[in-house]
Amino acid sequence: MRRLVAVLAAAMVGLGGCAPAVKDVKRALSAEDAGTVWFTPDDKAVISGVLRLPAGAGPRPAVVLMHGCGGVGNAETGWEPVLRGAGYVTFLVDSLGPRGLTEICTAAAPGTSIVDRVGDAYGALAIVSTHPRVDRGRIALMGFSHGGGVALIGALTWARDRHVRAGGATFRAFLPFYPVCAARYPELYRLAGPMRIHHGEADDWTPVAPCKEIVAEQRARGQDADITVYPGALHSFDNIGRAPQRLPNVRNPSGCRLELASIEAPIPPAEIEKCMTRGASIGWHPGATETARKNVLAQLADWLR
């Protein structure tokens, strides 16, 4: 309890005094819990997620959703009703707002790297799996852009072994949407469950080619991985209503190729900066969005049936 109070005190500094009360931070969920849920993914931060339940009774499969570098937006919220309509509980995690951040697209922020946010995802898994209406054996991880990188790394046995305690729930499957695939390291080739990447052919922010290479290498090593590429689709192609546009100030890792001895190996900031550029294109592609929804629902039905 003292540890939780200290974490909350630190959170109040970052949030200008808007952190939740100790009683509002959940260690486990009841059947009545829904809406905003505050939780501690790593005993270092207090973050939140929005829990929404589908109609009907009985334990249901669930999907944990991880947003991109701009925080919770149309891409993630657009998937919530689609998933709930198919009978899935959704838990949309907010990694930025509770940390006093609005975006990490133009500049990195401590504690919010993709590897850091894998801890947020597994913390979300731990809390949502306690809900009486969630089947703890049927939970998938789905992420978008920066959150797609979370789903990609979260799919590794390295992530499962690092974040799941003995007897804890594990993710059944992983759905990274347009993740960055710039780095290679040994842990990348052991998956904790089936992984299906969804990516736009015309993506100039997190290009598809390196992701195709990763999937080919994983498959060559007997891993259950695949990728679907959507012709003509830009980054964030499922961001409903977002007209195609150029974002001039965002950090762009499309020129980065990193070979690491381990996922835990430190990367000198200068190494990142010398390959990083500025500017990227995003935009909704209605056809790709419709097809992706059909594909994802078919994949989830196969994995979480």
Protein backbone atom coordinates (compact mmCIF):
# COMPACT_ATOMS: atom_id res chain seq x y z
CA MET A 1 0.00 0.00 0.00
CA ARG A 2 2.82 2.42 0.85
CA ARG A 3 4.36 1.71 -2.55
CA LEU A 4 1.05 2.54 -4.28
CA VAL A 5 0.74 5.81 -2.36
CA ALA A 6 4.25 6.79 -3.45
CA VAL A 7 3.44 5.98 -7.09
CA LEU A 8 0.25 8.05 -6.87
CA ALA A 9 2.14 10.95 -5.35
CA ALA A 10 4.59 10.90 -8.24
CA ALA A 11 1.70 10.72 -10.69
CA MET A 12 0.07 13.79 -9.14
CA VAL A 13 3.22 15.81 -9.82
CA GLY A 14 3.09 14.85 -13.50
CA LEU A 15 -0.64 15.41 -13.82
CA GLY A 16 -0.93 18.62 -11.88
CA GLY A 17 -2.78 16.94 -8.99
CA CYS A 18 -5.29 15.05 -11.15
CA ALA A 19 -4.20 11.51 -10.31
CA PRO A 20 -6.88 9.14 -8.97
CA ALA A 21 -7.36 8.40 -5.29
CA VAL A 22 -5.82 5.20 -3.93
CA LYS A 23 -9.28 3.61 -3.72
CA ASP A 24 -9.77 4.17 -7.47
CA VAL A 25 -6.67 2.24 -8.52
CA LYS A 26 -7.69 -1.33 -9.27
CA ARG A 27 -5.85 -4.48 -8.27
CA ALA A 28 -8.74 -6.64 -9.50
CA LEU A 29 -12.07 -5.99 -11.19
CA SER A 30 -15.64 -6.82 -10.20
CA ALA A 31 -18.55 -7.69 -12.47
CA GLU A 32 -19.77 -4.07 -12.16
CA ASP A 33 -16.51 -2.49 -13.34
CA ALA A 34 -16.63 -0.76 -16.72
CA GLY A 35 -15.58 2.57 -18.17
CA THR A 36 -12.32 4.15 -16.99
CA VAL A 37 -10.11 1.78 -15.01
CA TRP A 38 -6.95 3.04 -13.27
CA PHE A 39 -4.16 0.53 -12.74
CA THR A 40 -0.42 0.25 -12.10
CA PRO A 41 1.29 -1.75 -14.83
CA ASP A 42 4.73 -1.82 -13.22
CA ASP A 43 4.46 -0.19 -9.79
CA LYS A 44 6.18 2.87 -11.26
CA ALA A 45 3.25 4.61 -12.91
CA VAL A 46 -0.53 4.86 -12.70
CA ILE A 47 -2.27 4.74 -16.05
CA SER A 48 -5.79 4.10 -17.27
CA GLY A 49 -7.82 2.24 -19.83
CA VAL A 50 -11.43 2.28 -20.95
CA LEU A 51 -13.18 -1.04 -20.45
CA ARG A 52 -16.27 -1.70 -22.53
CA LEU A 53 -18.37 -4.86 -22.45
CA PRO A 54 -20.42 -6.40 -25.25
CA ALA A 55 -24.04 -7.34 -24.85
CA GLY A 56 -24.82 -10.72 -23.37
CA ALA A 57 -23.67 -12.72 -20.38
CA GLY A 58 -20.91 -15.17 -19.70
CA PRO A 59 -17.12 -14.86 -19.86
CA ARG A 60 -16.15 -13.30 -23.19
CA PRO A 61 -12.90 -13.06 -25.10
CA ALA A 62 -11.19 -9.68 -24.91
CA VAL A 63 -8.91 -7.42 -26.94
CA VAL A 64 -6.43 -5.00 -25.37
CA LEU A 65 -5.89 -1.99 -27.66
CA MET A 66 -2.71 0.14 -27.69
CA HIS A 67 -2.77 3.60 -29.30
CA GLY A 68 -0.19 5.30 -31.50
CA CYS A 69 2.21 8.14 -30.74
CA GLY A 70 -0.59 10.72 -30.91
CA GLY A 71 -2.56 9.16 -28.07
CA VAL A 72 -6.05 7.70 -28.25
CA GLY A 73 -7.68 8.63 -31.57
CA ASN A 74 -10.02 7.56 -34.34
CA ALA A 75 -8.07 4.47 -35.33
CA GLU A 76 -8.42 2.87 -31.90
CA THR A 77 -11.89 4.12 -31.02
CA GLY A 78 -13.12 3.11 -34.47
CA TRP A 79 -12.26 -0.51 -33.71
CA GLU A 80 -14.02 -0.62 -30.33
CA PRO A 81 -17.64 -0.94 -31.61
CA VAL A 82 -16.54 -3.34 -34.36
CA LEU A 83 -14.96 -5.66 -31.82
CA ARG A 84 -17.77 -5.38 -29.27
CA GLY A 85 -20.32 -6.02 -31.98
CA ALA A 86 -18.56 -9.33 -32.58
CA GLY A 87 -18.76 -10.19 -28.88
CA TYR A 88 -15.35 -9.05 -27.62
CA VAL A 89 -14.63 -7.07 -24.47
CA THR A 90 -12.39 -4.10 -25.33
CA PHE A 91 -9.83 -2.44 -23.09
CA LEU A 92 -8.33 0.68 -24.69
CA VAL A 93 -5.19 1.70 -22.79
CA ASP A 94 -4.10 5.34 -22.45
CA SER A 95 -0.32 5.40 -21.96
CA LEU A 96 0.06 9.17 -22.42
CA GLY A 97 -2.73 11.18 -20.76
CA PRO A 98 -2.14 9.73 -17.28
CA ARG A 99 1.55 10.57 -17.68
CA GLY A 100 0.75 14.19 -18.49
CA LEU A 101 1.54 13.82 -22.20
CA THR A 102 -0.48 14.60 -25.32
CA GLU A 103 1.82 13.07 -27.94
CA ILE A 104 5.21 11.47 -28.47
CA CYS A 105 5.30 11.80 -32.27
CA THR A 106 7.53 14.88 -32.40
CA ALA A 107 9.75 14.09 -29.41
CA ALA A 108 10.40 11.05 -27.26
CA ALA A 109 9.42 11.09 -23.57
CA PRO A 110 10.91 9.06 -20.70
CA GLY A 111 9.01 5.89 -19.86
CA THR A 112 7.06 5.78 -23.13
CA SER A 113 9.33 3.91 -25.53
CA ILE A 114 7.81 0.95 -27.34
CA VAL A 115 9.61 -1.44 -24.98
CA ASP A 116 8.36 0.57 -21.97
CA ARG A 117 4.80 0.43 -23.25
CA VAL A 118 4.95 -3.34 -23.58
CA GLY A 119 4.78 -3.21 -19.78
CA ASP A 120 1.59 -1.13 -20.07
CA ALA A 121 0.08 -3.77 -22.34
CA TYR A 122 0.90 -6.65 -20.03
CA GLY A 123 -0.31 -4.62 -17.05
CA ALA A 124 -3.60 -4.15 -18.91
CA LEU A 125 -3.73 -7.90 -19.53
CA ALA A 126 -3.21 -8.60 -15.83
CA ILE A 127 -6.04 -6.30 -14.71
CA VAL A 128 -8.59 -7.05 -17.44
CA SER A 129 -8.12 -10.80 -16.97
CA THR A 130 -9.55 -10.46 -13.44
CA HIS A 131 -12.95 -9.25 -14.69
CA PRO A 132 -15.62 -11.94 -14.14
CA ARG A 133 -17.00 -11.34 -17.64
CA VAL A 134 -13.62 -11.87 -19.33
CA ASP A 135 -12.32 -15.30 -20.32
CA ARG A 136 -8.71 -14.96 -19.16
CA GLY A 137 -7.59 -17.64 -21.60
CA ARG A 138 -8.88 -15.75 -24.65
CA ILE A 139 -7.29 -12.29 -24.72
CA ALA A 140 -5.55 -10.74 -27.74
CA LEU A 141 -3.26 -7.71 -28.05
CA MET A 142 -3.87 -5.23 -30.87
CA GLY A 143 -1.90 -2.03 -31.45
CA PHE A 144 -1.55 0.80 -33.94
CA SER A 145 1.66 2.52 -35.16
CA HIS A 146 3.69 3.08 -31.97
CA GLY A 147 1.16 0.74 -30.34
CA GLY A 148 1.67 -1.61 -33.27
CA GLY A 149 5.29 -1.80 -32.21
CA VAL A 150 4.02 -2.63 -28.72
CA ALA A 151 1.98 -5.51 -30.16
CA LEU A 152 4.99 -6.67 -32.22
CA ILE A 153 7.37 -6.76 -29.26
CA GLY A 154 4.58 -7.91 -26.96
CA ALA A 155 4.27 -11.00 -29.15
CA LEU A 156 7.77 -12.18 -28.24
CA THR A 157 8.35 -14.89 -25.67
CA TRP A 158 10.84 -12.40 -24.20
CA ALA A 159 7.95 -10.06 -23.34
CA ARG A 160 5.77 -12.84 -21.95
CA ASP A 161 8.56 -14.22 -19.79
CA ARG A 162 9.48 -10.76 -18.55
CA HIS A 163 6.00 -9.52 -17.67
CA VAL A 164 3.81 -12.51 -16.77
CA ARG A 165 4.09 -13.89 -13.27
CA ALA A 166 3.64 -17.59 -12.55
CA GLY A 167 0.00 -18.50 -13.09
CA GLY A 168 -0.81 -15.16 -14.71
CA ALA A 169 -2.87 -14.70 -17.85
CA THR A 170 -1.07 -14.59 -21.18
CA PHE A 171 -2.06 -13.11 -24.53
CA ARG A 172 -3.43 -15.69 -26.97
CA ALA A 173 -2.62 -13.73 -30.15
CA PHE A 174 -1.19 -10.47 -31.49
CA LEU A 175 -2.32 -7.95 -34.12
CA PRO A 176 0.22 -5.20 -34.89
CA PHE A 177 -1.08 -2.53 -37.28
CA TYR A 178 1.60 -0.64 -39.28
CA PRO A 179 4.37 -1.09 -36.67
CA VAL A 180 7.95 0.13 -37.02
CA CYS A 181 10.17 -2.80 -38.02
CA ALA A 182 13.56 -1.09 -37.99
CA ALA A 183 15.42 -3.26 -35.48
CA ARG A 184 16.70 -6.84 -35.51
CA TYR A 185 17.72 -8.79 -32.40
CA PRO A 186 17.73 -12.48 -31.41
CA GLU A 187 14.56 -12.31 -29.31
CA LEU A 188 12.59 -11.27 -32.41
CA TYR A 189 12.38 -14.85 -33.69
CA ARG A 190 10.53 -16.52 -30.83
CA LEU A 191 6.81 -15.74 -30.65
CA ALA A 192 4.49 -16.36 -27.72
CA GLY A 193 1.48 -16.83 -30.01
CA PRO A 194 0.24 -16.24 -33.55
CA MET A 195 1.02 -12.77 -34.90
CA ARG A 196 -0.59 -11.10 -37.90
CA ILE A 197 0.72 -7.73 -39.08
CA HIS A 198 -1.59 -5.42 -41.05
CA HIS A 199 0.19 -2.77 -43.08
CA GLY A 200 -0.33 -0.20 -45.82
CA GLU A 201 1.59 -0.58 -49.06
CA ALA A 202 2.13 3.19 -49.38
CA ASP A 203 3.22 3.75 -45.76
CA ASP A 204 6.17 6.21 -45.70
CA TRP A 205 6.34 6.51 -41.89
CA THR A 206 6.85 2.86 -40.93
CA PRO A 207 7.49 1.21 -44.30
CA VAL A 208 6.12 -2.23 -44.97
CA ALA A 209 9.25 -3.78 -46.52
CA PRO A 210 11.15 -4.35 -43.24
CA CYS A 211 8.03 -5.87 -41.67
CA LYS A 212 7.73 -8.30 -44.58
CA GLU A 213 11.36 -9.26 -44.05
CA ILE A 214 10.80 -9.88 -40.33
CA VAL A 215 7.76 -12.06 -41.02
CA ALA A 216 9.69 -14.05 -43.64
CA GLU A 217 12.52 -14.62 -41.16
CA GLN A 218 10.10 -15.61 -38.39
CA ARG A 219 8.28 -18.05 -40.66
CA ALA A 220 11.59 -19.54 -41.78
CA ARG A 221 12.27 -20.32 -38.13
CA GLY A 222 8.90 -22.03 -37.67
CA GLN A 223 7.05 -19.14 -36.03
CA ASP A 224 3.32 -18.51 -36.58
CA ALA A 225 3.55 -15.11 -38.27
CA ASP A 226 2.03 -13.50 -41.34
CA ILE A 227 1.43 -10.08 -42.84
CA THR A 228 -1.41 -8.59 -44.89
CA VAL A 229 -0.52 -5.62 -47.09
CA TYR A 230 -3.26 -3.24 -48.22
CA PRO A 231 -2.64 -1.74 -51.69
CA GLY A 232 -2.45 2.05 -51.84
CA ALA A 233 -2.93 2.45 -48.09
CA LEU A 234 -0.97 5.05 -46.10
CA HIS A 235 0.02 4.94 -42.45
CA SER A 236 -3.04 5.01 -40.17
CA PHE A 237 -5.23 3.83 -43.03
CA ASP A 238 -8.01 2.89 -40.56
CA ASN A 239 -8.18 6.41 -39.08
CA ILE A 240 -11.77 6.97 -40.15
CA GLY A 241 -12.50 10.36 -41.69
CA ARG A 242 -8.86 11.53 -41.62
CA ALA A 243 -8.15 12.98 -45.06
CA PRO A 244 -4.70 12.10 -46.40
CA GLN A 245 -2.18 14.69 -45.27
CA ARG A 246 1.49 15.31 -44.59
CA LEU A 247 2.63 15.76 -40.99
CA PRO A 248 5.82 17.84 -41.31
CA ASN A 249 7.20 17.62 -37.75
CA VAL A 250 6.85 13.98 -36.71
CA ARG A 251 9.96 11.86 -36.18
CA ASN A 252 10.31 9.38 -39.02
CA PRO A 253 12.36 6.16 -38.54
CA SER A 254 11.88 4.89 -42.10
CA GLY A 255 15.60 5.17 -42.82
CA CYS A 256 16.68 3.28 -39.69
CA ARG A 257 18.07 -0.28 -39.73
CA LEU A 258 19.44 -1.41 -36.38
CA GLU A 259 21.23 -4.69 -35.69
CA LEU A 260 21.29 -5.33 -31.94
CA ALA A 261 22.91 -8.01 -29.82
CA SER A 262 19.73 -8.10 -27.70
CA ILE A 263 16.45 -6.27 -27.38
CA GLU A 264 17.78 -5.07 -24.04
CA ALA A 265 21.01 -3.70 -25.50
CA PRO A 266 21.28 0.09 -25.04
CA ILE A 267 21.06 2.12 -28.25
CA PRO A 268 23.12 5.33 -28.23
CA PRO A 269 20.78 8.28 -28.90
CA ALA A 270 23.16 9.49 -31.61
CA GLU A 271 22.64 6.19 -33.45
CA ILE A 272 18.91 6.84 -33.57
CA GLU A 273 19.17 10.50 -34.49
CA LYS A 274 21.48 9.99 -37.44
CA CYS A 275 18.91 7.81 -39.23
CA MET A 276 15.81 9.73 -38.12
CA THR A 277 14.12 12.24 -40.45
CA ARG A 278 11.08 14.48 -40.13
CA GLY A 279 7.68 14.28 -41.78
CA ALA A 280 5.29 11.49 -42.78
CA SER A 281 1.99 10.92 -44.54
CA ILE A 282 -1.19 9.55 -42.97
CA GLY A 283 -4.76 9.13 -44.13
CA TRP A 284 -7.88 7.01 -44.11
CA HIS A 285 -8.34 4.41 -46.82
CA PRO A 286 -11.98 3.22 -46.69
CA GLY A 287 -11.40 0.09 -48.75
CA ALA A 288 -8.40 -1.02 -46.71
CA THR A 289 -10.29 -0.34 -43.49
CA GLU A 290 -13.26 -2.45 -44.54
CA THR A 291 -11.04 -5.32 -45.65
CA ALA A 292 -8.90 -5.12 -42.50
CA ARG A 293 -11.98 -5.35 -40.30
CA LYS A 294 -13.13 -8.50 -42.07
CA ASN A 295 -9.65 -9.98 -41.83
CA VAL A 296 -9.22 -9.19 -38.13
CA LEU A 297 -12.62 -10.57 -37.14
CA ALA A 298 -11.87 -13.77 -39.04
CA GLN A 299 -8.47 -14.07 -37.36
CA LEU A 300 -9.87 -13.44 -33.88
CA ALA A 301 -12.66 -15.91 -34.45
CA ASP A 302 -10.07 -18.54 -35.32
CA TRP A 303 -7.80 -17.81 -32.34
CA LEU A 304 -10.31 -16.96 -29.62
CA ARG A 305 -13.15 -19.33 -30.50
